N, C-alpha and C. Protein backbone atom coordinates (compact mmCIF):
# COMPACT_ATOMS: atom_id res chain seq x y z
N MET A 1 -81.31 77.90 181.21
CA MET A 1 -81.29 78.18 182.58
C MET A 1 -82.17 79.28 183.20
N SER A 2 -82.58 80.21 182.24
CA SER A 2 -83.08 81.30 182.85
C SER A 2 -84.66 80.86 183.18
N SER A 3 -85.07 81.19 184.17
CA SER A 3 -86.45 80.86 184.77
C SER A 3 -87.38 81.72 183.93
N GLU A 4 -88.80 81.48 184.39
CA GLU A 4 -89.90 82.33 183.82
C GLU A 4 -89.58 83.81 184.26
N ARG A 5 -90.13 84.64 183.20
CA ARG A 5 -89.91 86.30 183.49
C ARG A 5 -90.69 86.61 184.72
N LYS A 6 -90.05 87.22 185.50
CA LYS A 6 -90.59 87.78 187.05
C LYS A 6 -91.08 89.00 186.79
N TYR A 7 -90.27 89.99 186.02
CA TYR A 7 -90.97 91.18 185.84
C TYR A 7 -90.90 91.77 184.40
N THR A 8 -91.73 92.57 183.93
CA THR A 8 -91.81 93.31 182.60
C THR A 8 -90.48 94.14 182.58
N PHE A 9 -90.34 94.74 181.39
CA PHE A 9 -89.37 95.55 181.10
C PHE A 9 -89.21 96.67 181.94
N LEU A 10 -90.34 97.18 182.14
CA LEU A 10 -90.48 98.68 182.82
C LEU A 10 -90.55 98.60 184.25
N GLU A 11 -91.02 97.25 184.71
CA GLU A 11 -90.81 96.90 186.20
C GLU A 11 -89.39 96.77 186.56
N ALA A 12 -88.66 95.93 185.82
CA ALA A 12 -87.40 95.65 186.05
C ALA A 12 -86.51 96.86 185.87
N LYS A 13 -86.82 97.88 185.01
CA LYS A 13 -86.15 99.27 185.11
C LYS A 13 -86.30 99.96 186.15
N ALA A 14 -87.47 100.16 186.76
CA ALA A 14 -87.87 100.74 187.96
C ALA A 14 -87.17 100.10 189.14
N LYS A 15 -87.23 98.87 189.25
CA LYS A 15 -86.62 98.19 190.24
C LYS A 15 -85.12 98.32 190.23
N LEU A 16 -84.29 98.26 189.14
CA LEU A 16 -83.06 98.25 189.10
C LEU A 16 -82.57 99.92 189.45
N GLU A 17 -83.44 100.77 188.90
CA GLU A 17 -83.28 102.00 189.33
C GLU A 17 -83.17 102.31 190.79
N MET A 18 -84.05 101.84 191.57
CA MET A 18 -84.37 101.75 192.98
C MET A 18 -83.11 101.14 193.59
N LEU A 19 -82.73 100.08 193.14
CA LEU A 19 -81.40 99.30 193.75
C LEU A 19 -80.26 100.04 193.66
N CYS A 20 -80.01 100.73 192.43
CA CYS A 20 -78.85 101.46 192.28
C CYS A 20 -78.97 103.03 193.00
N ALA A 21 -80.20 103.36 193.33
CA ALA A 21 -80.31 104.46 194.02
C ALA A 21 -80.08 104.37 195.50
N VAL A 22 -80.21 103.42 196.00
CA VAL A 22 -80.16 102.93 197.35
C VAL A 22 -78.60 102.61 197.82
N GLN A 23 -77.88 101.86 196.95
CA GLN A 23 -76.37 101.35 197.08
C GLN A 23 -75.75 101.46 195.72
N GLU A 24 -74.43 101.72 195.86
CA GLU A 24 -73.62 101.48 194.67
C GLU A 24 -73.64 99.97 194.27
N ARG A 25 -73.96 99.96 192.93
CA ARG A 25 -73.99 98.55 192.28
C ARG A 25 -72.83 98.30 191.25
N CYS A 26 -72.46 97.10 190.72
CA CYS A 26 -71.58 96.88 189.57
C CYS A 26 -72.54 96.26 188.65
N SER A 27 -72.14 96.44 187.46
CA SER A 27 -72.82 95.86 186.09
C SER A 27 -73.01 94.28 186.24
N PHE A 28 -71.90 93.73 186.72
CA PHE A 28 -71.95 92.24 187.08
C PHE A 28 -72.95 91.83 188.01
N GLU A 29 -73.27 92.53 189.33
CA GLU A 29 -74.37 92.11 189.93
C GLU A 29 -75.70 92.12 189.40
N LEU A 30 -75.78 93.55 188.98
CA LEU A 30 -77.17 94.01 188.28
C LEU A 30 -77.47 92.69 187.03
N ASN A 31 -76.42 92.27 186.29
CA ASN A 31 -76.67 91.43 185.36
C ASN A 31 -77.02 90.04 185.92
N GLN A 32 -76.43 89.64 186.96
CA GLN A 32 -76.96 88.34 187.54
C GLN A 32 -78.25 88.38 188.13
N LYS A 33 -78.73 89.57 188.71
CA LYS A 33 -79.97 89.76 189.16
C LYS A 33 -80.84 89.67 188.18
N MET A 34 -80.77 90.43 187.11
CA MET A 34 -81.68 90.43 185.78
C MET A 34 -81.83 88.86 185.35
N LYS A 35 -80.54 88.30 185.36
CA LYS A 35 -80.78 87.01 184.83
C LYS A 35 -81.73 86.00 185.57
N SER A 36 -81.43 86.07 186.94
CA SER A 36 -82.37 85.72 187.96
C SER A 36 -83.94 85.80 187.72
N TRP A 37 -84.07 86.87 187.41
CA TRP A 37 -85.45 87.45 187.03
C TRP A 37 -85.93 87.01 185.69
N GLY A 38 -85.24 86.30 184.83
CA GLY A 38 -85.57 85.78 183.82
C GLY A 38 -85.65 86.72 182.41
N ILE A 39 -84.83 87.61 182.76
CA ILE A 39 -84.77 88.74 181.75
C ILE A 39 -83.84 88.56 180.52
N PRO A 40 -84.27 88.53 179.26
CA PRO A 40 -83.39 88.06 178.19
C PRO A 40 -82.14 89.00 178.12
N GLN A 41 -81.10 88.54 177.46
CA GLN A 41 -79.87 89.08 177.54
C GLN A 41 -79.99 90.50 176.68
N ASN A 42 -80.90 90.57 175.64
CA ASN A 42 -80.95 91.82 174.69
C ASN A 42 -81.64 92.92 175.59
N ASP A 43 -82.64 92.54 176.40
CA ASP A 43 -83.10 93.58 177.42
C ASP A 43 -82.24 93.86 178.53
N ARG A 44 -81.37 92.79 178.92
CA ARG A 44 -80.62 93.26 179.89
C ARG A 44 -79.31 94.22 179.52
N ASP A 45 -78.84 94.22 178.28
CA ASP A 45 -78.05 94.88 177.74
C ASP A 45 -78.61 96.46 177.77
N ILE A 46 -79.69 96.56 177.26
CA ILE A 46 -80.60 97.86 176.96
C ILE A 46 -80.65 98.38 178.45
N LEU A 47 -81.04 97.69 179.40
CA LEU A 47 -81.20 98.09 180.74
C LEU A 47 -80.07 98.48 181.59
N LEU A 48 -78.79 98.19 181.15
CA LEU A 48 -77.54 98.27 181.87
C LEU A 48 -77.09 99.56 181.28
N SER A 49 -77.31 99.68 179.87
CA SER A 49 -76.66 101.00 179.07
C SER A 49 -77.65 102.04 179.48
N HIS A 50 -79.03 101.96 179.83
CA HIS A 50 -79.98 102.94 180.45
C HIS A 50 -79.40 103.33 181.86
N LEU A 51 -79.08 102.37 182.61
CA LEU A 51 -78.45 102.93 184.03
C LEU A 51 -77.23 103.39 183.86
N VAL A 52 -76.10 103.11 182.82
CA VAL A 52 -74.92 103.95 183.01
C VAL A 52 -75.44 105.39 182.15
N SER A 53 -76.12 105.47 181.52
CA SER A 53 -76.58 106.79 180.62
C SER A 53 -77.12 107.67 181.58
N GLN A 54 -77.92 107.32 182.31
CA GLN A 54 -78.60 108.07 183.53
C GLN A 54 -77.77 108.27 184.85
N ASN A 55 -76.59 107.64 184.78
CA ASN A 55 -75.82 107.89 186.03
C ASN A 55 -76.06 107.19 187.27
N PHE A 56 -76.93 106.14 186.86
CA PHE A 56 -77.40 105.27 188.41
C PHE A 56 -76.16 104.25 188.41
N LEU A 57 -75.39 103.84 187.30
CA LEU A 57 -74.44 102.68 187.35
C LEU A 57 -73.13 103.53 187.03
N SER A 58 -72.04 103.27 187.84
CA SER A 58 -70.59 103.69 187.60
C SER A 58 -69.58 102.79 187.96
N GLU A 59 -68.94 102.24 187.19
CA GLU A 59 -67.99 101.32 187.77
C GLU A 59 -66.88 102.14 188.60
N GLU A 60 -66.53 103.10 188.35
CA GLU A 60 -65.54 103.87 188.93
C GLU A 60 -66.22 104.22 190.49
N ARG A 61 -67.38 104.58 190.70
CA ARG A 61 -67.77 105.01 191.72
C ARG A 61 -68.23 103.58 192.60
N PHE A 62 -68.48 102.84 191.92
CA PHE A 62 -68.48 101.53 192.86
C PHE A 62 -67.34 101.05 193.35
N ALA A 63 -66.23 101.07 192.58
CA ALA A 63 -64.98 100.67 192.84
C ALA A 63 -64.45 101.39 194.27
N GLU A 64 -64.60 102.85 194.04
CA GLU A 64 -64.36 103.67 195.09
C GLU A 64 -65.05 103.42 196.42
N ALA A 65 -66.48 103.12 196.35
CA ALA A 65 -67.23 102.92 197.59
C ALA A 65 -66.86 101.26 198.13
N PHE A 66 -66.47 100.40 197.19
CA PHE A 66 -66.26 99.15 197.79
C PHE A 66 -64.85 99.18 198.46
N ILE A 67 -63.91 99.81 197.81
CA ILE A 67 -62.68 100.05 198.49
C ILE A 67 -62.70 100.60 199.75
N SER A 68 -63.40 101.65 199.81
CA SER A 68 -63.53 102.39 201.14
C SER A 68 -64.24 101.55 202.01
N GLY A 69 -65.42 100.93 201.81
CA GLY A 69 -66.05 100.09 202.74
C GLY A 69 -65.19 98.94 203.14
N LYS A 70 -64.59 98.18 202.47
CA LYS A 70 -63.69 97.07 202.90
C LYS A 70 -62.49 97.55 203.42
N PHE A 71 -61.82 98.52 203.33
CA PHE A 71 -60.63 98.95 203.93
C PHE A 71 -61.11 99.69 205.38
N LYS A 72 -62.06 100.54 205.61
CA LYS A 72 -62.27 101.17 206.46
C LYS A 72 -63.07 100.27 207.57
N ILE A 73 -63.92 99.47 207.04
CA ILE A 73 -64.96 98.72 207.96
C ILE A 73 -64.26 97.48 208.20
N LYS A 74 -64.02 96.70 206.97
CA LYS A 74 -63.42 95.25 207.24
C LYS A 74 -62.06 95.31 207.40
N LYS A 75 -61.31 96.55 207.14
CA LYS A 75 -60.00 96.30 207.46
C LYS A 75 -59.35 95.39 206.71
N TRP A 76 -59.69 95.30 205.31
CA TRP A 76 -58.82 94.55 204.40
C TRP A 76 -57.68 95.21 203.69
N GLY A 77 -56.76 94.34 203.49
CA GLY A 77 -55.50 94.93 202.82
C GLY A 77 -55.79 95.10 201.15
N ARG A 78 -54.65 95.85 200.52
CA ARG A 78 -55.16 96.01 198.98
C ARG A 78 -55.17 94.61 198.45
N ILE A 79 -54.53 93.53 198.67
CA ILE A 79 -54.64 92.25 197.75
C ILE A 79 -56.04 91.51 197.92
N LYS A 80 -56.46 91.55 199.05
CA LYS A 80 -57.80 91.10 199.21
C LYS A 80 -59.10 92.24 198.48
N ILE A 81 -58.73 93.36 198.72
CA ILE A 81 -59.64 94.28 197.80
C ILE A 81 -59.64 94.13 196.50
N ILE A 82 -58.43 94.00 195.90
CA ILE A 82 -58.37 93.80 194.39
C ILE A 82 -58.92 92.56 194.01
N ASN A 83 -58.76 91.35 194.73
CA ASN A 83 -59.51 90.13 194.61
C ASN A 83 -60.82 90.36 194.57
N GLY A 84 -61.36 91.08 195.48
CA GLY A 84 -62.89 91.22 195.50
C GLY A 84 -63.33 91.95 194.42
N LEU A 85 -62.81 92.93 194.03
CA LEU A 85 -63.06 93.71 192.79
C LEU A 85 -63.11 92.83 191.35
N LYS A 86 -62.15 91.98 191.24
CA LYS A 86 -61.98 91.16 190.12
C LYS A 86 -63.02 90.35 190.09
N GLN A 87 -63.49 89.63 191.42
CA GLN A 87 -64.77 88.69 191.07
C GLN A 87 -65.87 89.46 190.81
N LYS A 88 -66.02 90.77 190.95
CA LYS A 88 -66.90 91.60 190.40
C LYS A 88 -66.80 92.11 189.11
N LYS A 89 -65.88 91.52 188.35
CA LYS A 89 -65.51 91.95 187.12
C LYS A 89 -65.26 93.29 186.71
N ILE A 90 -64.57 94.26 187.85
CA ILE A 90 -64.27 95.62 187.51
C ILE A 90 -62.86 95.64 186.89
N SER A 91 -62.98 96.68 186.07
CA SER A 91 -61.72 96.82 185.29
C SER A 91 -60.43 97.36 186.01
N ASP A 92 -59.47 97.19 185.57
CA ASP A 92 -57.88 97.43 186.18
C ASP A 92 -58.05 98.73 186.35
N TYR A 93 -58.58 99.63 185.36
CA TYR A 93 -58.21 100.99 185.50
C TYR A 93 -59.31 101.45 186.71
N SER A 94 -60.32 100.91 186.81
CA SER A 94 -61.32 101.31 187.86
C SER A 94 -60.63 101.07 189.11
N ILE A 95 -59.93 99.89 189.38
CA ILE A 95 -59.40 99.43 190.43
C ILE A 95 -58.18 100.28 191.00
N LYS A 96 -57.25 100.52 189.98
CA LYS A 96 -56.20 101.50 190.31
C LYS A 96 -56.39 102.90 190.77
N LYS A 97 -57.70 103.31 190.07
CA LYS A 97 -57.92 104.55 190.37
C LYS A 97 -58.54 104.62 191.87
N GLY A 98 -59.41 103.57 192.11
CA GLY A 98 -59.84 103.63 193.43
C GLY A 98 -58.85 103.24 194.86
N LEU A 99 -57.81 102.44 194.49
CA LEU A 99 -56.79 102.45 195.44
C LEU A 99 -55.97 103.64 195.55
N LYS A 100 -56.02 104.56 194.70
CA LYS A 100 -55.36 105.63 195.03
C LYS A 100 -55.93 106.41 196.10
N THR A 101 -57.20 106.09 196.56
CA THR A 101 -58.01 106.89 197.53
C THR A 101 -57.37 106.32 198.97
N ILE A 102 -56.55 105.49 198.94
CA ILE A 102 -56.00 104.67 200.28
C ILE A 102 -54.95 105.65 200.78
N ASP A 103 -54.94 106.11 201.68
CA ASP A 103 -53.70 106.98 202.17
C ASP A 103 -52.53 105.78 202.59
N SER A 104 -51.34 105.97 202.34
CA SER A 104 -50.21 105.26 202.77
C SER A 104 -50.16 105.19 204.16
N ASP A 105 -50.09 106.33 204.84
CA ASP A 105 -49.82 106.11 206.35
C ASP A 105 -51.00 105.69 207.13
N VAL A 106 -52.36 105.68 206.66
CA VAL A 106 -53.50 105.22 207.28
C VAL A 106 -53.25 103.77 207.24
N TYR A 107 -53.08 103.35 205.93
CA TYR A 107 -52.78 101.76 205.61
C TYR A 107 -51.88 101.42 206.63
N TRP A 108 -50.66 101.76 206.58
CA TRP A 108 -49.69 101.49 207.44
C TRP A 108 -50.11 101.00 209.16
N ASN A 109 -50.63 102.18 209.52
CA ASN A 109 -51.27 102.58 210.86
C ASN A 109 -52.30 101.43 211.18
N GLN A 110 -53.14 101.03 209.98
CA GLN A 110 -54.26 99.96 210.24
C GLN A 110 -53.59 98.81 210.25
N LEU A 111 -52.62 98.56 209.47
CA LEU A 111 -51.69 97.21 209.40
C LEU A 111 -51.19 96.93 210.75
N MET A 112 -50.67 97.96 211.45
CA MET A 112 -49.85 98.07 212.76
C MET A 112 -50.70 97.61 213.86
N HIS A 113 -52.02 98.36 213.70
CA HIS A 113 -53.09 98.33 214.68
C HIS A 113 -53.83 96.98 214.88
N LEU A 114 -54.02 96.33 213.62
CA LEU A 114 -54.61 95.06 213.31
C LEU A 114 -53.57 94.07 213.91
N GLY A 115 -52.31 94.24 213.69
CA GLY A 115 -51.16 93.21 214.30
C GLY A 115 -50.96 93.44 215.84
N ALA A 116 -50.99 94.53 216.21
CA ALA A 116 -50.86 94.82 217.82
C ALA A 116 -52.07 94.06 218.57
N ASN A 117 -53.16 94.17 218.09
CA ASN A 117 -54.49 93.81 218.55
C ASN A 117 -54.37 92.09 218.66
N LYS A 118 -54.14 91.64 217.43
CA LYS A 118 -54.10 90.12 217.09
C LYS A 118 -52.90 89.34 218.06
N VAL A 119 -51.68 89.86 218.22
CA VAL A 119 -50.60 89.56 219.15
C VAL A 119 -50.88 89.59 220.58
N LYS A 120 -51.78 90.36 221.09
CA LYS A 120 -52.27 90.31 222.35
C LYS A 120 -53.22 89.08 222.40
N LEU A 121 -53.81 88.76 221.35
CA LEU A 121 -54.59 87.50 221.68
C LEU A 121 -53.93 86.14 221.41
N ILE A 122 -53.07 85.98 220.84
CA ILE A 122 -52.16 84.98 220.44
C ILE A 122 -50.96 84.71 221.04
N LYS A 123 -50.69 85.62 222.08
CA LYS A 123 -49.09 85.55 222.49
C LYS A 123 -49.02 84.25 223.18
N GLU A 124 -48.07 83.85 222.77
CA GLU A 124 -47.43 82.39 223.37
C GLU A 124 -46.46 82.35 224.21
N ALA A 125 -46.43 81.63 225.42
CA ALA A 125 -45.29 81.72 226.45
C ALA A 125 -44.16 82.61 226.01
N LYS A 126 -43.06 81.95 226.24
CA LYS A 126 -41.73 82.79 225.80
C LYS A 126 -41.21 82.76 224.34
N ASN A 127 -41.65 81.76 223.74
CA ASN A 127 -41.33 81.36 222.30
C ASN A 127 -42.12 82.30 221.31
N ASP A 128 -41.43 83.24 220.57
CA ASP A 128 -42.44 84.00 219.67
C ASP A 128 -42.63 83.37 218.43
N TYR A 129 -41.97 82.12 218.05
CA TYR A 129 -42.12 81.71 216.81
C TYR A 129 -43.60 81.21 216.38
N PRO A 130 -44.44 80.62 217.27
CA PRO A 130 -45.64 80.37 217.09
C PRO A 130 -46.40 81.68 216.85
N THR A 131 -46.19 82.66 217.68
CA THR A 131 -46.99 84.00 217.56
C THR A 131 -46.60 84.68 216.09
N ARG A 132 -45.40 84.44 215.81
CA ARG A 132 -44.87 85.10 214.52
C ARG A 132 -45.63 84.41 213.51
N VAL A 133 -45.69 83.08 213.48
CA VAL A 133 -46.53 82.44 212.41
C VAL A 133 -47.93 82.89 212.15
N LYS A 134 -48.64 82.64 213.50
CA LYS A 134 -49.95 83.10 213.42
C LYS A 134 -50.36 84.53 213.03
N LEU A 135 -49.30 85.44 213.38
CA LEU A 135 -49.53 86.77 212.76
C LEU A 135 -49.19 86.95 211.40
N TYR A 136 -48.40 86.31 210.94
CA TYR A 136 -48.02 86.37 209.40
C TYR A 136 -49.38 85.81 208.80
N ARG A 137 -49.85 84.67 209.25
CA ARG A 137 -51.04 84.19 208.57
C ARG A 137 -52.31 84.90 208.52
N PHE A 138 -52.39 85.80 209.72
CA PHE A 138 -53.43 86.53 209.78
C PHE A 138 -53.55 87.73 209.15
N LEU A 139 -52.45 88.44 209.07
CA LEU A 139 -52.13 89.72 208.17
C LEU A 139 -52.22 89.33 206.80
N ASN A 140 -51.61 88.17 206.46
CA ASN A 140 -51.91 87.88 205.05
C ASN A 140 -53.28 87.45 204.62
N GLY A 141 -54.03 86.86 205.39
CA GLY A 141 -55.26 86.39 205.15
C GLY A 141 -56.30 87.83 205.19
N ARG A 142 -55.75 88.92 205.82
CA ARG A 142 -56.63 90.06 205.74
C ARG A 142 -56.20 90.93 204.32
N GLY A 143 -55.08 90.44 203.51
CA GLY A 143 -54.97 90.79 202.12
C GLY A 143 -53.94 91.83 202.20
N TYR A 144 -53.08 92.22 203.11
CA TYR A 144 -51.83 92.89 203.14
C TYR A 144 -50.60 92.23 202.39
N GLU A 145 -50.08 93.34 201.79
CA GLU A 145 -48.76 92.70 201.10
C GLU A 145 -48.01 92.18 201.96
N GLN A 146 -47.06 91.10 201.42
CA GLN A 146 -46.04 90.23 202.11
C GLN A 146 -45.05 91.09 202.63
N SER A 147 -44.56 92.16 201.96
CA SER A 147 -43.31 92.83 202.42
C SER A 147 -43.76 93.82 203.56
N LEU A 148 -44.91 94.38 203.51
CA LEU A 148 -45.41 95.20 204.62
C LEU A 148 -45.69 94.33 205.80
N VAL A 149 -46.22 92.97 205.66
CA VAL A 149 -46.66 92.21 206.67
C VAL A 149 -45.07 91.87 207.41
N HIS A 150 -44.27 91.58 206.55
CA HIS A 150 -42.99 91.20 207.14
C HIS A 150 -42.45 92.21 208.10
N GLU A 151 -42.45 93.51 207.62
CA GLU A 151 -41.93 94.71 208.51
C GLU A 151 -42.80 94.88 209.49
N ALA A 152 -44.04 94.98 209.60
CA ALA A 152 -44.99 95.10 210.56
C ALA A 152 -44.77 94.15 211.68
N VAL A 153 -44.65 92.86 211.14
CA VAL A 153 -44.54 91.74 212.19
C VAL A 153 -43.15 91.99 213.18
N GLU A 154 -42.25 92.19 212.42
CA GLU A 154 -40.80 92.49 212.93
C GLU A 154 -40.94 93.72 214.30
N GLU A 155 -41.77 94.84 213.44
CA GLU A 155 -41.57 95.80 214.50
C GLU A 155 -42.57 95.64 215.61
N ILE A 156 -43.85 94.89 215.45
CA ILE A 156 -44.74 94.56 216.24
C ILE A 156 -43.87 93.47 217.55
N LEU A 157 -43.43 92.76 217.06
CA LEU A 157 -42.67 91.90 217.85
C LEU A 157 -41.49 92.35 218.74
N ASN A 158 -40.87 93.04 218.21
CA ASN A 158 -39.65 93.90 218.83
C ASN A 158 -40.18 94.90 219.81
N GLN A 159 -41.54 95.35 219.94
CA GLN A 159 -41.92 96.05 220.81
C GLN A 159 -42.68 95.24 222.06
N ILE A 160 -42.77 94.02 221.94
CA ILE A 160 -43.33 93.25 222.97
C ILE A 160 -42.36 92.23 223.53
N GLU A 161 -42.34 92.33 224.65
CA GLU A 161 -41.60 91.41 225.51
C GLU A 161 -42.27 90.01 225.85
N PHE A 162 -41.48 88.99 225.54
CA PHE A 162 -42.05 87.72 226.00
C PHE A 162 -41.67 86.92 227.20
């Protein structure tokens, strides 16, 4: 499956260091990139251990940066964030540590804000059932926990008159 080798060991090392200096990366991403460059597994392992030892690569730092970006910018909930990190092969320890950076009040306020904005767009006639279903789907799709979504939907729809 590996193609012809694109870079020498030293070129790959420099390129990986540059990639890690610009943006937080995870070992899974870098391993995939090196595989596409045709670098053998033995060299990939050596390069990854070098990046970790020189502090270019940190799973915990990556998890915190990923969580911060997806929560603050993309407005993702915890479930979707966890699934995204698991796809990147991040350890449960790093995921839990990173999730602690999300403030509960900010999380709840963001959920309420998302729901309130969405309900303005989907408000249906006088029957709130279609609105309720669409709102549940939207917030669940964003990765928020079912119990919080239920609580938020009830609160949002009680505040709005149909």
